[in-house]
Protein backbone atom coordinates (compact mmCIF):
# COMPACT_ATOMS: atom_id res chain seq x y z
CA MET A 1 81.77 137.95 106.77
CA THR A 2 81.47 134.44 104.90
CA SER A 3 84.03 135.06 102.67
CA ASP A 4 86.56 136.81 105.56
CA ILE A 5 86.03 133.18 107.24
CA GLN A 6 86.59 131.36 104.27
CA ASP A 7 90.06 133.86 104.01
CA LEU A 8 91.42 132.66 107.72
CA LEU A 9 90.77 129.18 106.98
CA ALA A 10 92.60 129.33 103.45
CA PHE A 11 95.33 131.42 105.15
CA VAL A 12 94.95 128.55 108.32
CA ALA A 13 95.53 125.96 106.17
CA VAL A 14 98.60 127.06 104.30
CA VAL A 15 100.69 128.33 107.27
CA ASN A 16 99.47 124.27 108.68
CA ALA A 17 100.58 122.69 105.35
CA GLY A 18 104.33 124.97 105.14
CA GLY A 19 103.13 125.72 101.44
CA PHE A 20 100.25 126.80 99.18
CA ARG A 21 100.66 123.56 96.97
CA GLU A 22 100.50 121.50 100.19
CA GLY A 23 97.72 123.34 101.61
CA ALA A 24 95.89 123.35 97.89
CA ARG A 25 96.25 119.31 98.27
CA LEU A 26 94.85 118.96 101.44
CA SER A 27 92.33 121.32 101.70
CA GLY A 28 90.62 120.32 98.44
CA LYS A 29 90.69 123.88 96.73
CA SER A 30 93.32 125.66 94.19
CA ALA A 31 96.79 126.78 95.19
CA SER A 32 95.76 129.81 93.07
CA SER A 33 93.07 130.25 95.50
CA LEU A 34 94.35 129.90 98.77
CA SER A 35 97.14 132.38 97.42
CA ASP A 36 93.99 135.21 96.50
CA ALA A 37 92.50 134.65 99.29
CA VAL A 38 95.49 135.22 101.30
CA ARG A 39 96.17 138.33 99.59
CA ARG A 40 93.03 139.45 100.42
CA LEU A 41 93.04 139.22 103.82
CA GLU A 42 96.67 141.04 104.15
CA THR A 43 94.85 143.43 102.20
CA GLY A 44 91.77 143.71 104.34
CA LEU A 45 94.32 143.98 107.89
CA GLY A 46 96.82 146.10 106.35
CA VAL A 47 99.81 143.90 107.18
CA ARG A 48 101.93 140.47 105.71
CA LEU A 49 100.63 137.54 107.30
CA LEU A 50 103.26 135.47 105.53
CA ASN A 51 106.90 135.55 104.66
CA ARG A 52 106.97 133.79 100.83
CA THR A 53 110.43 132.91 99.42
CA THR A 54 111.29 130.67 96.55
CA ARG A 55 112.01 127.92 99.61
CA SER A 56 109.61 128.37 102.06
CA ILE A 57 106.23 129.57 103.03
CA LEU A 58 106.53 131.41 107.13
CA PRO A 59 104.31 133.45 109.08
CA THR A 60 105.28 136.94 110.00
CA GLU A 61 104.96 137.53 113.55
CA ALA A 62 101.47 139.11 112.69
CA GLY A 63 100.56 136.22 111.03
CA ARG A 64 101.80 133.84 114.05
CA LEU A 65 99.97 135.68 116.70
CA LEU A 66 96.90 135.93 114.76
CA MET A 67 97.32 132.17 113.89
CA GLU A 68 97.55 131.50 118.10
CA ARG A 69 93.96 133.29 118.20
CA ILE A 70 92.48 132.18 115.00
CA VAL A 71 93.02 128.16 115.58
CA PRO A 72 91.40 127.63 118.96
CA ALA A 73 88.63 130.44 117.87
CA LEU A 74 87.95 128.54 114.58
CA ASP A 75 87.61 125.09 116.33
CA GLU A 76 85.39 126.26 119.15
CA VAL A 77 82.86 127.71 116.00
CA SER A 78 83.16 123.96 114.43
CA SER A 79 82.73 122.56 117.70
CA ALA A 80 79.16 124.88 118.53
CA LEU A 81 78.27 123.72 114.82
CA ASP A 82 78.76 120.20 115.27
CA VAL A 83 76.58 120.72 118.84
CA VAL A 84 73.36 121.73 116.73
CA ASN A 85 74.26 119.02 114.57
CA ASP A 86 73.78 116.48 117.02
CA PHE A 87 70.07 117.24 117.31
CA ARG A 88 69.66 115.97 113.95
CA ASP A 89 68.10 112.30 113.62
CA ARG A 90 71.21 111.55 111.68
CA PRO A 91 74.64 112.28 112.11
CA LYS A 92 75.38 114.31 108.70
CA GLY A 93 78.54 116.00 106.98
CA THR A 94 82.26 115.29 106.27
CA LEU A 95 84.74 112.68 108.51
CA LYS A 96 87.53 112.84 107.20
CA LEU A 97 90.60 110.41 108.52
CA ASN A 98 94.48 109.86 107.62
CA VAL A 99 95.88 106.63 107.85
CA PRO A 100 98.83 104.64 106.63
CA LEU A 101 98.19 102.36 103.21
CA SER A 102 98.55 99.36 105.64
CA ALA A 103 95.14 100.10 107.55
CA ALA A 104 93.83 100.90 104.56
CA ARG A 105 94.40 97.91 102.92
CA LEU A 106 93.98 95.57 106.01
CA VAL A 107 91.09 97.47 108.42
CA LEU A 108 88.96 99.82 106.99
CA PRO A 109 87.90 97.67 104.09
CA ALA A 110 85.72 95.54 106.61
CA ILE A 111 84.24 98.96 108.14
CA ILE A 112 83.53 101.44 105.33
CA THR A 113 80.73 99.92 103.66
CA PRO A 114 78.54 98.98 106.78
CA PHE A 115 79.56 101.77 108.27
CA LEU A 116 78.39 104.24 105.28
CA LYS A 117 75.54 102.17 104.97
CA ALA A 118 74.43 102.86 108.75
CA TYR A 119 74.86 106.50 107.92
CA PRO A 120 73.89 107.36 104.68
CA ASP A 121 74.34 111.27 105.31
CA ILE A 122 78.03 111.18 106.11
CA ARG A 123 80.55 111.57 103.47
CA LEU A 124 83.58 109.65 104.06
CA GLU A 125 87.28 110.81 103.02
CA VAL A 126 90.09 108.71 103.28
CA ILE A 127 93.93 110.10 103.35
CA ALA A 128 96.72 106.82 102.85
CA GLU A 129 99.76 107.89 103.11
CA GLU A 130 103.28 107.55 105.16
CA SER A 131 104.48 110.59 106.47
CA PHE A 132 102.42 110.31 109.97
CA VAL A 133 101.63 113.97 109.54
CA ASP A 134 99.56 115.75 112.57
CA VAL A 135 96.32 115.06 111.30
CA LEU A 136 94.52 118.12 112.53
CA ALA A 137 97.26 120.20 110.92
CA ALA A 138 96.54 118.35 107.80
CA GLY A 139 92.14 118.87 108.12
CA CYS A 140 91.41 115.65 109.39
CA ASP A 141 89.45 114.95 112.23
CA ALA A 142 91.03 111.56 112.73
CA GLY A 143 93.75 109.02 112.08
CA ILE A 144 94.75 105.47 112.41
CA ARG A 145 98.19 104.72 113.51
CA TYR A 146 100.03 102.28 115.63
CA ASP A 147 100.88 102.67 119.18
CA GLU A 148 104.21 103.89 119.56
CA ARG A 149 103.04 106.64 117.12
CA LEU A 150 100.41 107.77 118.86
CA GLU A 151 100.21 111.32 119.77
CA GLN A 152 100.31 112.36 124.04
CA ASP A 153 97.49 114.27 123.65
CA MET A 154 95.05 112.11 121.83
CA ILE A 155 92.35 109.23 122.42
CA ALA A 156 92.98 105.68 121.25
CA VAL A 157 90.10 103.56 120.31
CA PRO A 158 91.15 99.89 119.01
CA ILE A 159 90.72 98.88 115.20
CA GLY A 160 90.83 95.82 113.51
CA PRO A 161 92.98 93.42 114.77
CA ARG A 162 94.16 93.61 118.43
CA LEU A 163 97.62 91.41 117.29
CA GLN A 164 99.39 91.17 113.87
CA ARG A 165 102.54 89.81 112.52
CA CYS A 166 105.10 90.59 109.80
CA ALA A 167 106.10 87.77 107.59
CA THR A 168 108.77 86.88 105.65
CA ALA A 169 108.18 85.11 102.32
CA ALA A 170 109.55 83.95 98.96
CA SER A 171 108.53 81.99 96.08
CA PRO A 172 108.98 78.43 95.81
CA ALA A 173 110.61 79.02 92.99
CA TYR A 174 112.90 81.34 94.13
CA LEU A 175 113.46 79.02 97.61
CA ASP A 176 114.42 75.85 95.31
CA ALA A 177 117.27 77.99 93.95
CA HIS A 178 118.59 79.48 96.34
CA GLY A 179 117.65 77.64 99.59
CA ARG A 180 115.37 77.84 102.81
CA PRO A 181 116.54 80.30 105.66
CA GLU A 182 116.36 78.66 108.47
CA HIS A 183 117.60 81.19 111.00
CA PRO A 184 117.27 85.24 110.28
CA ARG A 185 120.74 85.42 109.90
CA ASP A 186 120.79 83.30 107.06
CA LEU A 187 118.88 86.51 105.29
CA LEU A 188 121.59 88.02 104.84
CA GLN A 189 122.75 85.60 102.17
CA HIS A 190 119.49 86.40 100.28
CA ALA A 191 118.19 88.83 97.72
CA CYS A 192 115.38 90.94 99.89
CA LEU A 193 113.05 93.32 99.09
CA ARG A 194 113.09 96.20 101.46
CA GLY A 195 110.57 99.06 101.99
CA LYS A 196 111.46 102.73 102.46
CA PHE A 197 109.61 105.54 104.48
CA PRO A 198 108.80 108.69 102.59
CA SER A 199 111.08 110.50 105.66
CA GLY A 200 114.06 107.97 104.22
CA ALA A 201 114.00 105.52 107.41
CA MET A 202 114.33 101.87 106.05
CA PRO A 203 112.40 99.48 108.85
CA LEU A 204 114.45 97.06 109.65
CA TRP A 205 113.37 93.44 110.19
CA ASP A 206 112.67 92.27 113.04
CA TYR A 207 112.45 88.76 114.68
CA GLU A 208 111.67 86.67 118.10
CA LYS A 209 111.77 83.41 118.94
CA ASP A 210 112.28 81.46 122.77
CA GLY A 211 113.67 85.17 123.98
CA GLU A 212 115.85 85.40 120.97
CA THR A 213 115.61 88.20 119.05
CA PHE A 214 117.48 89.51 115.46
CA SER A 215 117.07 93.03 113.93
CA LEU A 216 118.55 92.66 110.48
CA ASP A 217 119.25 95.23 107.97
CA PRO A 218 119.11 93.03 105.10
CA GLY A 219 120.52 94.02 100.68
CA GLY A 220 118.75 93.43 98.18
CA PRO A 221 117.81 94.37 94.71
CA LEU A 222 114.99 96.22 95.14
CA ILE A 223 113.79 99.12 97.49
CA VAL A 224 110.05 100.33 97.02
CA ARG A 225 108.52 103.44 98.98
CA ILE A 226 106.13 102.32 101.71
CA GLY A 227 102.97 103.21 100.62
CA GLY A 228 101.63 103.16 97.05
CA ALA A 229 104.61 100.95 95.72
CA VAL A 230 104.18 98.18 98.15
CA ASP A 231 102.51 95.72 95.62
CA LEU A 232 105.92 96.15 93.29
CA ALA A 233 107.30 94.31 96.01
CA VAL A 234 105.20 91.99 96.71
CA GLN A 235 104.39 90.96 93.05
CA ALA A 236 108.72 91.09 92.58
CA ALA A 237 108.69 88.09 95.38
CA VAL A 238 105.71 86.05 93.76
CA ASP A 239 108.14 86.88 90.50
CA GLY A 240 111.25 84.85 92.24
CA LEU A 241 113.35 87.68 92.73
CA GLY A 242 113.80 87.89 96.55
CA VAL A 243 112.44 87.77 99.85
CA ILE A 244 110.13 89.64 101.64
CA TYR A 245 109.03 91.39 105.18
CA LEU A 246 105.24 92.46 105.19
CA PHE A 247 102.21 92.04 107.28
CA GLU A 248 101.32 88.38 107.42
CA ASP A 249 97.23 89.69 106.47
CA TRP A 250 98.90 91.52 103.34
CA LEU A 251 100.51 88.39 102.25
CA ARG A 252 97.80 85.43 102.92
CA PRO A 253 96.00 85.22 99.50
CA HIS A 254 99.64 84.30 97.99
CA PHE A 255 99.97 82.15 100.76
CA GLU A 256 96.79 80.54 99.72
CA SER A 257 97.48 80.40 96.23
CA GLY A 258 100.92 79.09 96.81
CA ALA A 259 102.75 81.82 94.80
CA LEU A 260 104.28 82.39 98.02
CA GLU A 261 105.46 80.30 100.88
CA PRO A 262 106.26 80.73 104.24
CA VAL A 263 109.90 81.62 105.61
CA LEU A 264 110.82 81.81 109.03
CA GLU A 265 107.48 81.32 110.25
CA PRO A 266 108.63 79.86 113.67
CA TRP A 267 110.20 83.58 114.19
CA TRP A 268 107.41 85.92 112.96
CA GLN A 269 107.30 88.80 115.72
CA SER A 270 103.97 89.65 116.74
CA PHE A 271 102.79 93.80 117.61
CA SER A 272 99.89 95.42 118.95
CA GLY A 273 96.92 95.96 116.59
CA PRO A 274 96.36 99.81 115.62
CA PHE A 275 94.28 102.57 116.92
CA LEU A 276 91.82 104.66 115.64
CA TYR A 277 92.85 108.17 117.13
CA TYR A 278 91.72 111.96 117.87
CA PRO A 279 91.91 114.77 119.78
CA GLY A 280 89.93 114.99 123.11
CA ARG A 281 87.74 117.53 122.55
CA ARG A 282 84.77 118.35 124.65
CA HIS A 283 82.50 118.32 121.39
CA LEU A 284 83.27 116.36 118.65
CA PRO A 285 81.96 116.29 114.94
CA SER A 286 78.65 114.42 114.50
CA PRO A 287 80.64 111.75 111.96
CA LEU A 288 83.59 111.40 114.21
CA ARG A 289 81.29 110.64 116.87
CA ALA A 290 79.00 108.13 114.89
CA PHE A 291 82.36 106.20 113.24
CA ILE A 292 83.75 105.71 116.86
CA ASP A 293 80.56 104.68 118.53
CA PHE A 294 80.27 102.34 115.20
CA VAL A 295 84.09 100.99 116.23
CA LYS A 296 83.37 100.61 119.89
CA SER A 297 80.00 98.90 119.16
CA SER A 298 81.05 96.11 116.77
CA PRO A 299 83.16 93.60 117.71
CA ALA A 300 84.46 92.36 114.42
CA VAL A 301 85.85 96.17 114.05
CA ALA A 302 87.54 96.31 117.21
CA GLY A 303 89.30 93.16 116.81
């Protein structure tokens, strides 16, 4: 029975991820072990569950019907075990979070150490990416997102600073050589260092002052993937390559050191801070419940 459940979990992971390789990445197992598990499941049931092509992995009609029935059942089993887990003196288990890199860098550092010291039996796993995936489909318990990206069926709890700004900056040497912009439209004449999401979308640079708003799509010599390559753009700005637009808190150490100089600060636009979001289940996993309670009870963590 144990092996059957593990094979079912492997099947669900593959379907949710859309393939064996991505399913392996998200579940922490090997692609070959997932393939073997699905093959055992199909052999035992005597029916094909997945249509495999060189381009995609899709469930057959039987596979789709199995997903519709087994996912709620597995959720109920997980919830039942967590109800028992709540009777322990201390929450125990793994908490898996899916967060954008900005949250991993600017929000979680103040949380992780005190939380894990308070709950030594919890193991925290953080996945930082910018794909805005369905956290449940990705095998995560909760995520951190900004309000415009929250899914409607999720519960949201404020976490981190409640007000943030995107700052514009460049090195003093660059500004001495190319001039200091006095209006956002001046940036169209400057070398701007841009970021692009994995989807290919390139966010605009937004500005606001005294009811006047501007959204710019400036050009420049460098475009980086938003996520792990952002620090490359920051270093390029420090080195005098151009103007950067990024979270103010991310750039603050460079402001304080003098490596970067704020540009158009009166125009910097404020926006609401991030939220911890999670499904509105009746019974939450005890590590997630502990994390939610920790966030709610700590003024520093809740911003």
